[in-house]
mmCIF file of all heavy atoms, coordinates in Angstrom:
data_MODEL
# 
_entry.id   MODEL 
# 
loop_
_atom_site.group_PDB 
_atom_site.id 
_atom_site.type_symbol 
_atom_site.label_atom_id 
_atom_site.label_alt_id 
_atom_site.label_comp_id 
_atom_site.label_asym_id 
_atom_site.label_entity_id 
_atom_site.label_seq_id 
_atom_site.pdbx_PDB_ins_code 
_atom_site.Cartn_x 
_atom_site.Cartn_y 
_atom_site.Cartn_z 
_atom_site.occupancy 
_atom_site.B_iso_or_equiv 
_atom_site.pdbx_formal_charge 
_atom_site.auth_seq_id 
_atom_site.auth_comp_id 
_atom_site.auth_asym_id 
_atom_site.auth_atom_id 
_atom_site.pdbx_PDB_model_num 
ATOM 1   N N   . ILE A 1 1  ? 79.805 47.202 87.731 1.00 0.00 ? 1  ILE A N   1 
ATOM 2   C CA  . ILE A 1 1  ? 79.252 48.557 87.561 1.00 0.00 ? 1  ILE A CA  1 
ATOM 3   C C   . ILE A 1 1  ? 80.006 49.561 88.430 1.00 0.00 ? 1  ILE A C   1 
ATOM 4   O O   . ILE A 1 1  ? 80.379 50.654 87.979 1.00 0.00 ? 1  ILE A O   1 
ATOM 5   C CB  . ILE A 1 1  ? 77.751 48.565 87.906 1.00 0.00 ? 1  ILE A CB  1 
ATOM 6   C CG1 . ILE A 1 1  ? 76.957 47.796 86.851 1.00 0.00 ? 1  ILE A CG1 1 
ATOM 7   C CG2 . ILE A 1 1  ? 77.225 50.005 88.021 1.00 0.00 ? 1  ILE A CG2 1 
ATOM 8   C CD1 . ILE A 1 1  ? 75.485 47.647 87.188 1.00 0.00 ? 1  ILE A CD1 1 
ATOM 9   N N   . LYS A 1 2  ? 80.232 49.189 89.666 1.00 0.00 ? 2  LYS A N   1 
ATOM 10  C CA  . LYS A 1 2  ? 80.928 50.103 90.579 1.00 0.00 ? 2  LYS A CA  1 
ATOM 11  C C   . LYS A 1 2  ? 82.342 50.383 90.097 1.00 0.00 ? 2  LYS A C   1 
ATOM 12  O O   . LYS A 1 2  ? 82.801 51.532 90.116 1.00 0.00 ? 2  LYS A O   1 
ATOM 13  C CB  . LYS A 1 2  ? 80.956 49.501 91.983 1.00 0.00 ? 2  LYS A CB  1 
ATOM 14  C CG  . LYS A 1 2  ? 81.602 50.409 93.013 1.00 0.00 ? 2  LYS A CG  1 
ATOM 15  C CD  . LYS A 1 2  ? 81.504 49.824 94.416 1.00 0.00 ? 2  LYS A CD  1 
ATOM 16  C CE  . LYS A 1 2  ? 82.112 50.774 95.448 1.00 0.00 ? 2  LYS A CE  1 
ATOM 17  N NZ  . LYS A 1 2  ? 82.030 50.220 96.814 1.00 0.00 ? 2  LYS A NZ  1 
ATOM 18  N N   . SER A 1 3  ? 83.032 49.337 89.646 1.00 0.00 ? 3  SER A N   1 
ATOM 19  C CA  . SER A 1 3  ? 84.405 49.516 89.183 1.00 0.00 ? 3  SER A CA  1 
ATOM 20  C C   . SER A 1 3  ? 84.462 50.439 87.972 1.00 0.00 ? 3  SER A C   1 
ATOM 21  O O   . SER A 1 3  ? 85.272 51.371 87.918 1.00 0.00 ? 3  SER A O   1 
ATOM 22  C CB  . SER A 1 3  ? 85.021 48.162 88.850 1.00 0.00 ? 3  SER A CB  1 
ATOM 23  O OG  . SER A 1 3  ? 86.321 48.313 88.322 1.00 0.00 ? 3  SER A OG  1 
ATOM 24  N N   . TYR A 1 4  ? 83.593 50.201 86.993 1.00 0.00 ? 4  TYR A N   1 
ATOM 25  C CA  . TYR A 1 4  ? 83.638 51.026 85.782 1.00 0.00 ? 4  TYR A CA  1 
ATOM 26  C C   . TYR A 1 4  ? 83.104 52.434 86.053 1.00 0.00 ? 4  TYR A C   1 
ATOM 27  O O   . TYR A 1 4  ? 83.597 53.410 85.492 1.00 0.00 ? 4  TYR A O   1 
ATOM 28  C CB  . TYR A 1 4  ? 82.810 50.367 84.678 1.00 0.00 ? 4  TYR A CB  1 
ATOM 29  C CG  . TYR A 1 4  ? 83.114 50.942 83.314 1.00 0.00 ? 4  TYR A CG  1 
ATOM 30  C CD1 . TYR A 1 4  ? 84.213 50.523 82.594 1.00 0.00 ? 4  TYR A CD1 1 
ATOM 31  C CD2 . TYR A 1 4  ? 82.308 51.938 82.761 1.00 0.00 ? 4  TYR A CD2 1 
ATOM 32  C CE1 . TYR A 1 4  ? 84.513 51.062 81.352 1.00 0.00 ? 4  TYR A CE1 1 
ATOM 33  C CE2 . TYR A 1 4  ? 82.590 52.489 81.528 1.00 0.00 ? 4  TYR A CE2 1 
ATOM 34  C CZ  . TYR A 1 4  ? 83.699 52.043 80.828 1.00 0.00 ? 4  TYR A CZ  1 
ATOM 35  O OH  . TYR A 1 4  ? 84.005 52.589 79.617 1.00 0.00 ? 4  TYR A OH  1 
ATOM 36  N N   . PHE A 1 5  ? 82.104 52.554 86.919 1.00 0.00 ? 5  PHE A N   1 
ATOM 37  C CA  . PHE A 1 5  ? 81.564 53.879 87.254 1.00 0.00 ? 5  PHE A CA  1 
ATOM 38  C C   . PHE A 1 5  ? 82.632 54.772 87.877 1.00 0.00 ? 5  PHE A C   1 
ATOM 39  O O   . PHE A 1 5  ? 82.712 55.969 87.575 1.00 0.00 ? 5  PHE A O   1 
ATOM 40  C CB  . PHE A 1 5  ? 80.377 53.725 88.204 1.00 0.00 ? 5  PHE A CB  1 
ATOM 41  C CG  . PHE A 1 5  ? 79.744 55.030 88.599 1.00 0.00 ? 5  PHE A CG  1 
ATOM 42  C CD1 . PHE A 1 5  ? 78.755 55.606 87.821 1.00 0.00 ? 5  PHE A CD1 1 
ATOM 43  C CD2 . PHE A 1 5  ? 80.135 55.702 89.754 1.00 0.00 ? 5  PHE A CD2 1 
ATOM 44  C CE1 . PHE A 1 5  ? 78.168 56.803 88.181 1.00 0.00 ? 5  PHE A CE1 1 
ATOM 45  C CE2 . PHE A 1 5  ? 79.569 56.902 90.112 1.00 0.00 ? 5  PHE A CE2 1 
ATOM 46  C CZ  . PHE A 1 5  ? 78.576 57.455 89.330 1.00 0.00 ? 5  PHE A CZ  1 
ATOM 47  N N   . LEU A 1 6  ? 83.449 54.212 88.750 1.00 0.00 ? 6  LEU A N   1 
ATOM 48  C CA  . LEU A 1 6  ? 84.500 55.002 89.388 1.00 0.00 ? 6  LEU A CA  1 
ATOM 49  C C   . LEU A 1 6  ? 85.510 55.495 88.377 1.00 0.00 ? 6  LEU A C   1 
ATOM 50  O O   . LEU A 1 6  ? 86.049 56.609 88.496 1.00 0.00 ? 6  LEU A O   1 
ATOM 51  C CB  . LEU A 1 6  ? 85.190 54.170 90.475 1.00 0.00 ? 6  LEU A CB  1 
ATOM 52  C CG  . LEU A 1 6  ? 84.318 53.777 91.677 1.00 0.00 ? 6  LEU A CG  1 
ATOM 53  C CD1 . LEU A 1 6  ? 85.118 52.931 92.655 1.00 0.00 ? 6  LEU A CD1 1 
ATOM 54  C CD2 . LEU A 1 6  ? 83.766 55.008 92.368 1.00 0.00 ? 6  LEU A CD2 1 
ATOM 55  N N   . ILE A 1 7  ? 85.778 54.694 87.346 1.00 0.00 ? 7  ILE A N   1 
ATOM 56  C CA  . ILE A 1 7  ? 86.702 55.122 86.290 1.00 0.00 ? 7  ILE A CA  1 
ATOM 57  C C   . ILE A 1 7  ? 86.114 56.307 85.534 1.00 0.00 ? 7  ILE A C   1 
ATOM 58  O O   . ILE A 1 7  ? 86.782 57.319 85.292 1.00 0.00 ? 7  ILE A O   1 
ATOM 59  C CB  . ILE A 1 7  ? 86.991 53.945 85.327 1.00 0.00 ? 7  ILE A CB  1 
ATOM 60  C CG1 . ILE A 1 7  ? 87.737 52.833 86.062 1.00 0.00 ? 7  ILE A CG1 1 
ATOM 61  C CG2 . ILE A 1 7  ? 87.795 54.417 84.127 1.00 0.00 ? 7  ILE A CG2 1 
ATOM 62  C CD1 . ILE A 1 7  ? 87.914 51.575 85.259 1.00 0.00 ? 7  ILE A CD1 1 
ATOM 63  N N   . VAL A 1 8  ? 84.840 56.193 85.171 1.00 0.00 ? 8  VAL A N   1 
ATOM 64  C CA  . VAL A 1 8  ? 84.190 57.279 84.424 1.00 0.00 ? 8  VAL A CA  1 
ATOM 65  C C   . VAL A 1 8  ? 84.067 58.531 85.279 1.00 0.00 ? 8  VAL A C   1 
ATOM 66  O O   . VAL A 1 8  ? 84.283 59.656 84.808 1.00 0.00 ? 8  VAL A O   1 
ATOM 67  C CB  . VAL A 1 8  ? 82.806 56.811 83.931 1.00 0.00 ? 8  VAL A CB  1 
ATOM 68  C CG1 . VAL A 1 8  ? 82.057 57.963 83.260 1.00 0.00 ? 8  VAL A CG1 1 
ATOM 69  C CG2 . VAL A 1 8  ? 82.952 55.645 82.964 1.00 0.00 ? 8  VAL A CG2 1 
ATOM 70  N N   . ARG A 1 9  ? 83.703 58.368 86.535 1.00 0.00 ? 9  ARG A N   1 
ATOM 71  C CA  . ARG A 1 9  ? 83.569 59.534 87.418 1.00 0.00 ? 9  ARG A CA  1 
ATOM 72  C C   . ARG A 1 9  ? 84.887 60.284 87.546 1.00 0.00 ? 9  ARG A C   1 
ATOM 73  O O   . ARG A 1 9  ? 84.922 61.519 87.572 1.00 0.00 ? 9  ARG A O   1 
ATOM 74  C CB  . ARG A 1 9  ? 83.070 59.081 88.792 1.00 0.00 ? 9  ARG A CB  1 
ATOM 75  C CG  . ARG A 1 9  ? 82.759 60.252 89.730 1.00 0.00 ? 9  ARG A CG  1 
ATOM 76  C CD  . ARG A 1 9  ? 82.142 59.782 91.019 1.00 0.00 ? 9  ARG A CD  1 
ATOM 77  N NE  . ARG A 1 9  ? 83.116 59.099 91.870 1.00 0.00 ? 9  ARG A NE  1 
ATOM 78  C CZ  . ARG A 1 9  ? 82.811 58.571 93.055 1.00 0.00 ? 9  ARG A CZ  1 
ATOM 79  N NH1 . ARG A 1 9  ? 81.558 58.624 93.495 1.00 0.00 ? 9  ARG A NH1 1 
ATOM 80  N NH2 . ARG A 1 9  ? 83.740 57.959 93.768 1.00 0.00 ? 9  ARG A NH2 1 
ATOM 81  N N   . LYS A 1 10 ? 85.972 59.567 87.631 1.00 0.00 ? 10 LYS A N   1 
ATOM 82  C CA  . LYS A 1 10 ? 87.290 60.188 87.696 1.00 0.00 ? 10 LYS A CA  1 
ATOM 83  C C   . LYS A 1 10 ? 87.572 60.988 86.431 1.00 0.00 ? 10 LYS A C   1 
ATOM 84  O O   . LYS A 1 10 ? 88.106 62.102 86.484 1.00 0.00 ? 10 LYS A O   1 
ATOM 85  C CB  . LYS A 1 10 ? 88.350 59.120 87.919 1.00 0.00 ? 10 LYS A CB  1 
ATOM 86  C CG  . LYS A 1 10 ? 89.760 59.657 88.056 1.00 0.00 ? 10 LYS A CG  1 
ATOM 87  C CD  . LYS A 1 10 ? 90.742 58.523 88.305 1.00 0.00 ? 10 LYS A CD  1 
ATOM 88  C CE  . LYS A 1 10 ? 92.175 59.057 88.434 1.00 0.00 ? 10 LYS A CE  1 
ATOM 89  N NZ  . LYS A 1 10 ? 93.142 57.950 88.652 1.00 0.00 ? 10 LYS A NZ  1 
ATOM 90  N N   . ASN A 1 11 ? 87.191 60.407 85.274 1.00 0.00 ? 11 ASN A N   1 
ATOM 91  C CA  . ASN A 1 11 ? 87.395 61.116 84.010 1.00 0.00 ? 11 ASN A CA  1 
ATOM 92  C C   . ASN A 1 11 ? 86.557 62.390 83.952 1.00 0.00 ? 11 ASN A C   1 
ATOM 93  O O   . ASN A 1 11 ? 87.042 63.456 83.535 1.00 0.00 ? 11 ASN A O   1 
ATOM 94  C CB  . ASN A 1 11 ? 87.039 60.202 82.834 1.00 0.00 ? 11 ASN A CB  1 
ATOM 95  C CG  . ASN A 1 11 ? 87.968 59.010 82.717 1.00 0.00 ? 11 ASN A CG  1 
ATOM 96  O OD1 . ASN A 1 11 ? 89.091 59.039 83.240 1.00 0.00 ? 11 ASN A OD1 1 
ATOM 97  N ND2 . ASN A 1 11 ? 87.524 57.964 82.053 1.00 0.00 ? 11 ASN A ND2 1 
ATOM 98  N N   . ILE A 1 12 ? 85.286 62.287 84.354 1.00 0.00 ? 12 ILE A N   1 
ATOM 99  C CA  . ILE A 1 12 ? 84.393 63.453 84.313 1.00 0.00 ? 12 ILE A CA  1 
ATOM 100 C C   . ILE A 1 12 ? 84.870 64.526 85.283 1.00 0.00 ? 12 ILE A C   1 
ATOM 101 O O   . ILE A 1 12 ? 84.859 65.733 84.968 1.00 0.00 ? 12 ILE A O   1 
ATOM 102 C CB  . ILE A 1 12 ? 82.954 63.021 84.645 1.00 0.00 ? 12 ILE A CB  1 
ATOM 103 C CG1 . ILE A 1 12 ? 82.407 62.107 83.548 1.00 0.00 ? 12 ILE A CG1 1 
ATOM 104 C CG2 . ILE A 1 12 ? 82.053 64.234 84.823 1.00 0.00 ? 12 ILE A CG2 1 
ATOM 105 C CD1 . ILE A 1 12 ? 82.270 62.756 82.202 1.00 0.00 ? 12 ILE A CD1 1 
ATOM 106 N N   . GLN A 1 13 ? 85.312 64.128 86.454 1.00 0.00 ? 13 GLN A N   1 
ATOM 107 C CA  . GLN A 1 13 ? 85.787 65.085 87.457 1.00 0.00 ? 13 GLN A CA  1 
ATOM 108 C C   . GLN A 1 13 ? 87.006 65.840 86.965 1.00 0.00 ? 13 GLN A C   1 
ATOM 109 O O   . GLN A 1 13 ? 87.235 66.987 87.356 1.00 0.00 ? 13 GLN A O   1 
ATOM 110 C CB  . GLN A 1 13 ? 86.099 64.337 88.762 1.00 0.00 ? 13 GLN A CB  1 
ATOM 111 C CG  . GLN A 1 13 ? 86.372 65.265 89.943 1.00 0.00 ? 13 GLN A CG  1 
ATOM 112 C CD  . GLN A 1 13 ? 86.458 64.498 91.249 1.00 0.00 ? 13 GLN A CD  1 
ATOM 113 O OE1 . GLN A 1 13 ? 86.197 63.300 91.298 1.00 0.00 ? 13 GLN A OE1 1 
ATOM 114 N NE2 . GLN A 1 13 ? 86.824 65.180 92.308 1.00 0.00 ? 13 GLN A NE2 1 
ATOM 115 N N   . ASP A 1 14 ? 87.767 65.235 86.087 1.00 0.00 ? 14 ASP A N   1 
ATOM 116 C CA  . ASP A 1 14 ? 88.967 65.888 85.553 1.00 0.00 ? 14 ASP A CA  1 
ATOM 117 C C   . ASP A 1 14 ? 88.658 66.684 84.290 1.00 0.00 ? 14 ASP A C   1 
ATOM 118 O O   . ASP A 1 14 ? 89.217 67.771 84.085 1.00 0.00 ? 14 ASP A O   1 
ATOM 119 C CB  . ASP A 1 14 ? 90.031 64.833 85.249 1.00 0.00 ? 14 ASP A CB  1 
ATOM 120 C CG  . ASP A 1 14 ? 91.286 65.451 84.653 1.00 0.00 ? 14 ASP A CG  1 
ATOM 121 O OD1 . ASP A 1 14 ? 91.953 66.226 85.369 1.00 0.00 ? 14 ASP A OD1 1 
ATOM 122 O OD2 . ASP A 1 14 ? 91.584 65.179 83.481 1.00 0.00 ? 14 ASP A OD2 1 
ATOM 123 N N   . SER A 1 15 ? 87.775 66.190 83.440 1.00 0.00 ? 15 SER A N   1 
ATOM 124 C CA  . SER A 1 15 ? 87.565 66.811 82.123 1.00 0.00 ? 15 SER A CA  1 
ATOM 125 C C   . SER A 1 15 ? 86.579 67.965 82.150 1.00 0.00 ? 15 SER A C   1 
ATOM 126 O O   . SER A 1 15 ? 86.718 68.918 81.372 1.00 0.00 ? 15 SER A O   1 
ATOM 127 C CB  . SER A 1 15 ? 87.089 65.752 81.122 1.00 0.00 ? 15 SER A CB  1 
ATOM 128 O OG  . SER A 1 15 ? 85.890 65.144 81.568 1.00 0.00 ? 15 SER A OG  1 
ATOM 129 N N   . VAL A 1 16 ? 85.576 67.923 83.039 1.00 0.00 ? 16 VAL A N   1 
ATOM 130 C CA  . VAL A 1 16 ? 84.584 69.007 83.067 1.00 0.00 ? 16 VAL A CA  1 
ATOM 131 C C   . VAL A 1 16 ? 85.209 70.357 83.432 1.00 0.00 ? 16 VAL A C   1 
ATOM 132 O O   . VAL A 1 16 ? 84.973 71.358 82.745 1.00 0.00 ? 16 VAL A O   1 
ATOM 133 C CB  . VAL A 1 16 ? 83.417 68.642 84.011 1.00 0.00 ? 16 VAL A CB  1 
ATOM 134 C CG1 . VAL A 1 16 ? 82.541 69.876 84.287 1.00 0.00 ? 16 VAL A CG1 1 
ATOM 135 C CG2 . VAL A 1 16 ? 82.578 67.536 83.406 1.00 0.00 ? 16 VAL A CG2 1 
ATOM 136 N N   . PRO A 1 17 ? 86.016 70.484 84.521 1.00 0.00 ? 17 PRO A N   1 
ATOM 137 C CA  . PRO A 1 17 ? 86.659 71.775 84.786 1.00 0.00 ? 17 PRO A CA  1 
ATOM 138 C C   . PRO A 1 17 ? 87.529 72.260 83.635 1.00 0.00 ? 17 PRO A C   1 
ATOM 139 O O   . PRO A 1 17 ? 87.573 73.463 83.350 1.00 0.00 ? 17 PRO A O   1 
ATOM 140 C CB  . PRO A 1 17 ? 87.491 71.491 86.049 1.00 0.00 ? 17 PRO A CB  1 
ATOM 141 C CG  . PRO A 1 17 ? 86.797 70.365 86.723 1.00 0.00 ? 17 PRO A CG  1 
ATOM 142 C CD  . PRO A 1 17 ? 86.274 69.509 85.608 1.00 0.00 ? 17 PRO A CD  1 
ATOM 143 N N   . LYS A 1 18 ? 88.203 71.337 82.953 1.00 0.00 ? 18 LYS A N   1 
ATOM 144 C CA  . LYS A 1 18 ? 89.031 71.740 81.810 1.00 0.00 ? 18 LYS A CA  1 
ATOM 145 C C   . LYS A 1 18 ? 88.167 72.297 80.685 1.00 0.00 ? 18 LYS A C   1 
ATOM 146 O O   . LYS A 1 18 ? 88.517 73.305 80.058 1.00 0.00 ? 18 LYS A O   1 
ATOM 147 C CB  . LYS A 1 18 ? 89.845 70.546 81.320 1.00 0.00 ? 18 LYS A CB  1 
ATOM 148 C CG  . LYS A 1 18 ? 90.897 70.073 82.305 1.00 0.00 ? 18 LYS A CG  1 
ATOM 149 C CD  . LYS A 1 18 ? 91.653 68.875 81.780 1.00 0.00 ? 18 LYS A CD  1 
ATOM 150 C CE  . LYS A 1 18 ? 92.727 68.424 82.782 1.00 0.00 ? 18 LYS A CE  1 
ATOM 151 N NZ  . LYS A 1 18 ? 93.476 67.246 82.313 1.00 0.00 ? 18 LYS A NZ  1 
ATOM 152 N N   . ALA A 1 19 ? 87.031 71.641 80.438 1.00 0.00 ? 19 ALA A N   1 
ATOM 153 C CA  . ALA A 1 19 ? 86.130 72.128 79.388 1.00 0.00 ? 19 ALA A CA  1 
ATOM 154 C C   . ALA A 1 19 ? 85.554 73.499 79.749 1.00 0.00 ? 19 ALA A C   1 
ATOM 155 O O   . ALA A 1 19 ? 85.463 74.394 78.899 1.00 0.00 ? 19 ALA A O   1 
ATOM 156 C CB  . ALA A 1 19 ? 84.995 71.124 79.183 1.00 0.00 ? 19 ALA A CB  1 
ATOM 157 N N   . VAL A 1 20 ? 85.184 73.693 81.015 1.00 0.00 ? 20 VAL A N   1 
ATOM 158 C CA  . VAL A 1 20 ? 84.638 74.983 81.453 1.00 0.00 ? 20 VAL A CA  1 
ATOM 159 C C   . VAL A 1 20 ? 85.688 76.086 81.325 1.00 0.00 ? 20 VAL A C   1 
ATOM 160 O O   . VAL A 1 20 ? 85.394 77.195 80.864 1.00 0.00 ? 20 VAL A O   1 
ATOM 161 C CB  . VAL A 1 20 ? 84.119 74.882 82.901 1.00 0.00 ? 20 VAL A CB  1 
ATOM 162 C CG1 . VAL A 1 20 ? 83.678 76.250 83.405 1.00 0.00 ? 20 VAL A CG1 1 
ATOM 163 C CG2 . VAL A 1 20 ? 82.970 73.896 83.001 1.00 0.00 ? 20 VAL A CG2 1 
ATOM 164 N N   . MET A 1 21 ? 86.897 75.798 81.715 1.00 0.00 ? 21 MET A N   1 
ATOM 165 C CA  . MET A 1 21 ? 87.968 76.798 81.603 1.00 0.00 ? 21 MET A CA  1 
ATOM 166 C C   . MET A 1 21 ? 88.215 77.162 80.142 1.00 0.00 ? 21 MET A C   1 
ATOM 167 O O   . MET A 1 21 ? 88.393 78.344 79.803 1.00 0.00 ? 21 MET A O   1 
ATOM 168 C CB  . MET A 1 21 ? 89.248 76.263 82.235 1.00 0.00 ? 21 MET A CB  1 
ATOM 169 C CG  . MET A 1 21 ? 89.237 76.228 83.753 1.00 0.00 ? 21 MET A CG  1 
ATOM 170 S SD  . MET A 1 21 ? 89.051 77.866 84.515 1.00 0.00 ? 21 MET A SD  1 
ATOM 171 C CE  . MET A 1 21 ? 90.534 78.677 83.922 1.00 0.00 ? 21 MET A CE  1 
ATOM 172 N N   . HIS A 1 22 ? 88.231 76.165 79.256 1.00 0.00 ? 22 HIS A N   1 
ATOM 173 C CA  . HIS A 1 22 ? 88.551 76.443 77.851 1.00 0.00 ? 22 HIS A CA  1 
ATOM 174 C C   . HIS A 1 22 ? 87.412 77.154 77.132 1.00 0.00 ? 22 HIS A C   1 
ATOM 175 O O   . HIS A 1 22 ? 87.627 78.172 76.463 1.00 0.00 ? 22 HIS A O   1 
ATOM 176 C CB  . HIS A 1 22 ? 88.889 75.140 77.128 1.00 0.00 ? 22 HIS A CB  1 
ATOM 177 C CG  . HIS A 1 22 ? 89.155 75.334 75.658 1.00 0.00 ? 22 HIS A CG  1 
ATOM 178 N ND1 . HIS A 1 22 ? 90.301 75.942 75.184 1.00 0.00 ? 22 HIS A ND1 1 
ATOM 179 C CD2 . HIS A 1 22 ? 88.401 75.023 74.562 1.00 0.00 ? 22 HIS A CD2 1 
ATOM 180 C CE1 . HIS A 1 22 ? 90.255 75.992 73.871 1.00 0.00 ? 22 HIS A CE1 1 
ATOM 181 N NE2 . HIS A 1 22 ? 89.117 75.435 73.463 1.00 0.00 ? 22 HIS A NE2 1 
ATOM 182 N N   . PHE A 1 23 ? 86.217 76.638 77.271 1.00 0.00 ? 23 PHE A N   1 
ATOM 183 C CA  . PHE A 1 23 ? 85.104 77.148 76.480 1.00 0.00 ? 23 PHE A CA  1 
ATOM 184 C C   . PHE A 1 23 ? 84.428 78.366 77.094 1.00 0.00 ? 23 PHE A C   1 
ATOM 185 O O   . PHE A 1 23 ? 83.744 79.098 76.383 1.00 0.00 ? 23 PHE A O   1 
ATOM 186 C CB  . PHE A 1 23 ? 84.063 76.040 76.270 1.00 0.00 ? 23 PHE A CB  1 
ATOM 187 C CG  . PHE A 1 23 ? 84.480 74.989 75.293 1.00 0.00 ? 23 PHE A CG  1 
ATOM 188 C CD1 . PHE A 1 23 ? 85.140 73.854 75.726 1.00 0.00 ? 23 PHE A CD1 1 
ATOM 189 C CD2 . PHE A 1 23 ? 84.232 75.127 73.941 1.00 0.00 ? 23 PHE A CD2 1 
ATOM 190 C CE1 . PHE A 1 23 ? 85.540 72.883 74.837 1.00 0.00 ? 23 PHE A CE1 1 
ATOM 191 C CE2 . PHE A 1 23 ? 84.622 74.162 73.029 1.00 0.00 ? 23 PHE A CE2 1 
ATOM 192 C CZ  . PHE A 1 23 ? 85.288 73.028 73.473 1.00 0.00 ? 23 PHE A CZ  1 
ATOM 193 N N   . LEU A 1 24 ? 84.594 78.591 78.403 1.00 0.00 ? 24 LEU A N   1 
ATOM 194 C CA  . LEU A 1 24 ? 83.907 79.719 79.049 1.00 0.00 ? 24 LEU A CA  1 
ATOM 195 C C   . LEU A 1 24 ? 84.891 80.726 79.622 1.00 0.00 ? 24 LEU A C   1 
ATOM 196 O O   . LEU A 1 24 ? 84.978 81.862 79.139 1.00 0.00 ? 24 LEU A O   1 
ATOM 197 C CB  . LEU A 1 24 ? 82.977 79.197 80.149 1.00 0.00 ? 24 LEU A CB  1 
ATOM 198 C CG  . LEU A 1 24 ? 82.178 80.257 80.920 1.00 0.00 ? 24 LEU A CG  1 
ATOM 199 C CD1 . LEU A 1 24 ? 81.284 81.033 79.978 1.00 0.00 ? 24 LEU A CD1 1 
ATOM 200 C CD2 . LEU A 1 24 ? 81.352 79.609 82.031 1.00 0.00 ? 24 LEU A CD2 1 
ATOM 201 N N   . VAL A 1 25 ? 85.662 80.323 80.632 1.00 0.00 ? 25 VAL A N   1 
ATOM 202 C CA  . VAL A 1 25 ? 86.493 81.281 81.376 1.00 0.00 ? 25 VAL A CA  1 
ATOM 203 C C   . VAL A 1 25 ? 87.584 81.865 80.487 1.00 0.00 ? 25 VAL A C   1 
ATOM 204 O O   . VAL A 1 25 ? 87.684 83.088 80.313 1.00 0.00 ? 25 VAL A O   1 
ATOM 205 C CB  . VAL A 1 25 ? 87.093 80.605 82.621 1.00 0.00 ? 25 VAL A CB  1 
ATOM 206 C CG1 . VAL A 1 25 ? 87.967 81.607 83.388 1.00 0.00 ? 25 VAL A CG1 1 
ATOM 207 C CG2 . VAL A 1 25 ? 85.991 80.082 83.528 1.00 0.00 ? 25 VAL A CG2 1 
ATOM 208 N N   . ASN A 1 26 ? 88.425 81.009 79.906 1.00 0.00 ? 26 ASN A N   1 
ATOM 209 C CA  . ASN A 1 26 ? 89.540 81.512 79.103 1.00 0.00 ? 26 ASN A CA  1 
ATOM 210 C C   . ASN A 1 26 ? 89.070 82.215 77.843 1.00 0.00 ? 26 ASN A C   1 
ATOM 211 O O   . ASN A 1 26 ? 89.684 83.194 77.395 1.00 0.00 ? 26 ASN A O   1 
ATOM 212 C CB  . ASN A 1 26 ? 90.480 80.364 78.747 1.00 0.00 ? 26 ASN A CB  1 
ATOM 213 C CG  . ASN A 1 26 ? 91.241 79.848 79.950 1.00 0.00 ? 26 ASN A CG  1 
ATOM 214 O OD1 . ASN A 1 26 ? 91.330 80.522 80.971 1.00 0.00 ? 26 ASN A OD1 1 
ATOM 215 N ND2 . ASN A 1 26 ? 91.789 78.654 79.852 1.00 0.00 ? 26 ASN A ND2 1 
ATOM 216 N N   . HIS A 1 27 ? 87.993 81.724 77.257 1.00 0.00 ? 27 HIS A N   1 
ATOM 217 C CA  . HIS A 1 27 ? 87.484 82.377 76.046 1.00 0.00 ? 27 HIS A CA  1 
ATOM 218 C C   . HIS A 1 27 ? 87.014 83.799 76.345 1.00 0.00 ? 27 HIS A C   1 
ATOM 219 O O   . HIS A 1 27 ? 87.268 84.727 75.569 1.00 0.00 ? 27 HIS A O   1 
ATOM 220 C CB  . HIS A 1 27 ? 86.332 81.554 75.461 1.00 0.00 ? 27 HIS A CB  1 
ATOM 221 C CG  . HIS A 1 27 ? 85.853 82.050 74.138 1.00 0.00 ? 27 HIS A CG  1 
ATOM 222 N ND1 . HIS A 1 27 ? 84.941 83.070 74.008 1.00 0.00 ? 27 HIS A ND1 1 
ATOM 223 C CD2 . HIS A 1 27 ? 86.187 81.688 72.866 1.00 0.00 ? 27 HIS A CD2 1 
ATOM 224 C CE1 . HIS A 1 27 ? 84.701 83.316 72.736 1.00 0.00 ? 27 HIS A CE1 1 
ATOM 225 N NE2 . HIS A 1 27 ? 85.451 82.489 72.016 1.00 0.00 ? 27 HIS A NE2 1 
ATOM 226 N N   . VAL A 1 28 ? 86.322 83.970 77.476 1.00 0.00 ? 28 VAL A N   1 
ATOM 227 C CA  . VAL A 1 28 ? 85.870 85.318 77.850 1.00 0.00 ? 28 VAL A CA  1 
ATOM 228 C C   . VAL A 1 28 ? 87.061 86.217 78.150 1.00 0.00 ? 28 VAL A C   1 
ATOM 229 O O   . VAL A 1 28 ? 87.095 87.388 77.745 1.00 0.00 ? 28 VAL A O   1 
ATOM 230 C CB  . VAL A 1 28 ? 84.919 85.237 79.061 1.00 0.00 ? 28 VAL A CB  1 
ATOM 231 C CG1 . VAL A 1 28 ? 84.621 86.628 79.608 1.00 0.00 ? 28 VAL A CG1 1 
ATOM 232 C CG2 . VAL A 1 28 ? 83.627 84.537 78.680 1.00 0.00 ? 28 VAL A CG2 1 
# 
């Protein structure tokens, strides 16, 4: 669980700011 959770957390930490920039900041 710990090993796979760290992989997912890394993905979320990278993808969420990108999604916010694309769908909110850059769009505005």
